Structures are given as structure tokens and as C-alpha cells.
Amino acid sequence: MPPPFNPYDAGGPEPFDSLEPFEPVAWRARTPESDFSAQGYDRALIDSVWENGDRIAGNDPALWRKDQFGAWMHRLDYGKRHSEFGWEICDLSAGRGNGGLAALRPMQWQNYVDQVAALTRSRMTADGSRNVRKLV
């Protein structure tokens, strides 16, 4: 059996090796300057939504999952848009009523942004020297 996939083995330091003592980054208090998405979900909900991610054999499901599009997500990178493995909570029932927990999915942040754009039928485009969101 091949060793478990670990994208951080490709080079460079692990993202949390400088934290002393270890503190799960995703559970720090949120501030306006933090790197978390603005949705403000509590820890219990984040943990529940993480369970909806796809488990991949040979990988620790507490740390690594894939979203519905097959993109890798790292548990501690919740809300981190500067991370390749960052993820957010996507509400698949947005605009169609309350779908509850069953409608919430963990999604790699770039896929999340694409889904929101598709749901709102809008795109970022140039207007002179500025970027603006326009309805399609």
C-alpha cells in the first residue's frame, strides 16, 4: 500500500510548525483582522460540516478530506484563502430556503468562490481601472 498522501511533503515547512505551543488555528477567536470567512460558524457546526467531506483511504480523515469536486482540504486551514488546502462552508440551499445541516458542505475555498459566483449569476469584471461585480 502506498504511503498516505501529504501535499506538504512536496517541500517547504508544514504550515503549523511555528506555533508554540500547538493551538488549532481554526478555533482561535475571530477578529476583524483574522483570516476566517465572514460567516461566523461556531466550532460544533464546523466539525459537523467537516464530516460531510469525502474520506480518502490512507489519509487521516481528521486532517485531510476532499470536497465534492475532488479538491484536497486540510482541517486546520478552515477559512484560509491564502492556503491551497483552505476550505469554507458552502450552503447548497442558499436562496432556496433553509436546508439546515444537510445542505452544508465543506468546500475548497476556490471552489466555494466559484459556487457563490454561479449561484448569484455574477462575475468580477473590469470597469475602467477597477474590478466590479456584474450580473450575468
Protein backbone atom coordinates (compact mmCIF):
# COMPACT_ATOMS: atom_id res chain seq x y z
CA MET A 1 0.00 0.00 0.00
CA PRO A 2 1.44 3.44 -0.89
CA PRO A 3 2.07 5.89 1.95
CA PRO A 4 -0.71 8.36 2.77
CA PHE A 5 -0.87 11.45 0.58
CA ASN A 6 0.55 14.53 2.26
CA PRO A 7 0.76 17.57 -0.02
CA TYR A 8 3.04 19.29 2.49
CA ASP A 9 5.70 16.62 1.77
CA ALA A 10 6.27 18.30 -1.59
CA GLY A 11 8.59 20.81 0.05
CA GLY A 12 8.53 23.72 2.39
CA PRO A 13 7.66 23.75 6.05
CA GLU A 14 4.45 22.37 7.46
CA PRO A 15 2.04 25.28 7.87
CA PHE A 16 1.75 24.99 11.64
CA ASP A 17 5.30 24.05 12.64
CA SER A 18 5.98 27.50 14.08
CA LEU A 19 3.10 27.52 16.56
CA GLU A 20 4.35 27.05 20.12
CA PRO A 21 2.53 25.61 21.94
CA PHE A 22 0.26 23.90 19.45
CA GLU A 23 -3.07 25.64 19.11
CA PRO A 24 -5.61 24.54 16.48
CA VAL A 25 -5.65 27.59 14.24
CA ALA A 26 -9.25 27.10 13.06
CA TRP A 27 -10.55 27.54 16.59
CA ARG A 28 -8.89 30.80 17.56
CA ALA A 29 -11.13 33.71 18.42
CA ARG A 30 -12.21 35.59 15.34
CA THR A 31 -11.32 39.21 14.94
CA PRO A 32 -11.86 41.59 12.03
CA GLU A 33 -8.20 41.04 11.11
CA SER A 34 -8.42 37.23 11.17
CA ASP A 35 -8.21 35.03 8.10
CA PHE A 36 -11.61 33.39 8.60
CA SER A 37 -14.57 33.66 6.31
CA ALA A 38 -17.19 36.12 7.46
CA GLN A 39 -19.92 33.55 8.03
CA GLY A 40 -19.16 33.18 11.74
CA TYR A 41 -19.94 29.48 12.20
CA ASP A 42 -19.28 28.00 15.61
CA ARG A 43 -16.86 25.14 16.23
CA ALA A 44 -19.54 22.46 16.61
CA LEU A 45 -21.05 23.32 13.23
CA ILE A 46 -17.64 23.45 11.55
CA ASP A 47 -16.86 19.99 12.96
CA SER A 48 -20.22 18.65 11.73
CA VAL A 49 -19.74 20.05 8.24
CA TRP A 50 -16.19 18.63 8.06
CA GLU A 51 -17.76 15.17 8.43
CA ASN A 52 -19.54 15.76 5.07
CA GLY A 53 -16.18 15.86 3.26
CA ASP A 54 -15.04 12.80 1.33
CA ARG A 55 -12.72 10.48 3.25
CA ILE A 56 -9.74 9.25 1.25
CA ALA A 57 -8.27 5.85 2.11
CA GLY A 58 -4.78 6.03 3.57
CA ASN A 59 -5.21 9.60 4.85
CA ASP A 60 -6.12 10.77 8.33
CA PRO A 61 -9.78 11.87 7.99
CA ALA A 62 -9.36 14.17 10.97
CA LEU A 63 -6.91 16.23 8.89
CA TRP A 64 -7.47 15.53 5.20
CA ARG A 65 -10.65 15.32 3.13
CA LYS A 66 -11.70 16.13 -0.42
CA ASP A 67 -14.60 18.35 -1.40
CA GLN A 68 -17.35 17.29 -3.82
CA PHE A 69 -15.17 18.40 -6.75
CA GLY A 70 -12.19 16.30 -5.65
CA ALA A 71 -10.04 19.13 -4.24
CA TRP A 72 -7.92 18.48 -1.13
CA MET A 73 -8.83 20.27 2.09
CA HIS A 74 -6.82 20.42 5.33
CA ARG A 75 -8.91 20.58 8.50
CA LEU A 76 -6.84 23.30 10.15
CA ASP A 77 -6.96 25.50 7.03
CA TYR A 78 -10.63 26.40 7.52
CA GLY A 79 -11.24 29.93 6.27
CA LYS A 80 -7.69 30.40 4.97
CA ARG A 81 -7.86 31.72 1.45
CA HIS A 82 -4.08 32.01 1.21
CA SER A 83 -3.76 28.23 1.59
CA GLU A 84 -4.02 25.83 -1.32
CA PHE A 85 -5.89 23.48 1.02
CA GLY A 86 -8.08 26.12 2.69
CA TRP A 87 -11.81 25.46 2.81
CA GLU A 88 -15.10 27.12 3.64
CA ILE A 89 -18.64 26.07 4.35
CA CYS A 90 -20.89 26.17 1.31
CA ASP A 91 -24.65 26.34 1.84
CA LEU A 92 -26.14 24.48 -1.11
CA SER A 93 -29.62 25.76 -0.21
CA ALA A 94 -28.64 29.44 -0.44
CA GLY A 95 -31.53 31.45 -1.80
CA ARG A 96 -33.88 28.44 -1.74
CA GLY A 97 -34.89 28.30 1.90
CA ASN A 98 -33.35 26.72 4.95
CA GLY A 99 -31.69 23.43 4.05
CA GLY A 100 -30.17 23.00 7.51
CA LEU A 101 -27.05 20.99 8.22
CA ALA A 102 -27.78 18.58 5.35
CA ALA A 103 -27.24 21.42 2.85
CA LEU A 104 -23.86 22.50 4.26
CA ARG A 105 -20.72 21.14 2.59
CA PRO A 106 -17.01 21.67 3.17
CA MET A 107 -15.55 23.11 0.01
CA GLN A 108 -12.01 24.09 -1.03
CA TRP A 109 -12.09 27.89 -0.96
CA GLN A 110 -11.59 28.44 -4.70
CA ASN A 111 -14.44 26.03 -5.47
CA TYR A 112 -16.50 27.87 -2.86
CA VAL A 113 -15.91 31.22 -4.59
CA ASP A 114 -16.87 29.66 -7.95
CA GLN A 115 -20.07 28.23 -6.47
CA VAL A 116 -21.11 31.55 -4.95
CA ALA A 117 -20.49 33.28 -8.29
CA ALA A 118 -22.58 30.65 -10.08
CA LEU A 119 -25.43 30.93 -7.56
CA THR A 120 -25.51 34.71 -7.74
CA ARG A 121 -25.05 34.66 -11.52
CA SER A 122 -22.41 37.33 -11.23
CA ARG A 123 -18.80 37.72 -12.24
CA MET A 124 -15.98 40.06 -11.42
CA THR A 125 -15.07 42.17 -14.43
CA ALA A 126 -13.17 45.35 -15.19
CA ASP A 127 -14.87 48.72 -15.24
CA GLY A 128 -12.11 51.08 -16.28
CA SER A 129 -9.25 50.57 -13.84
CA ARG A 130 -11.44 48.93 -11.14
CA ASN A 131 -12.91 45.48 -10.68
CA VAL A 132 -16.67 45.33 -10.18
CA ARG A 133 -19.20 42.54 -9.77
CA LYS A 134 -21.77 42.48 -12.56
CA LEU A 135 -24.77 40.24 -13.02
CA VAL A 136 -24.53 37.88 -15.97
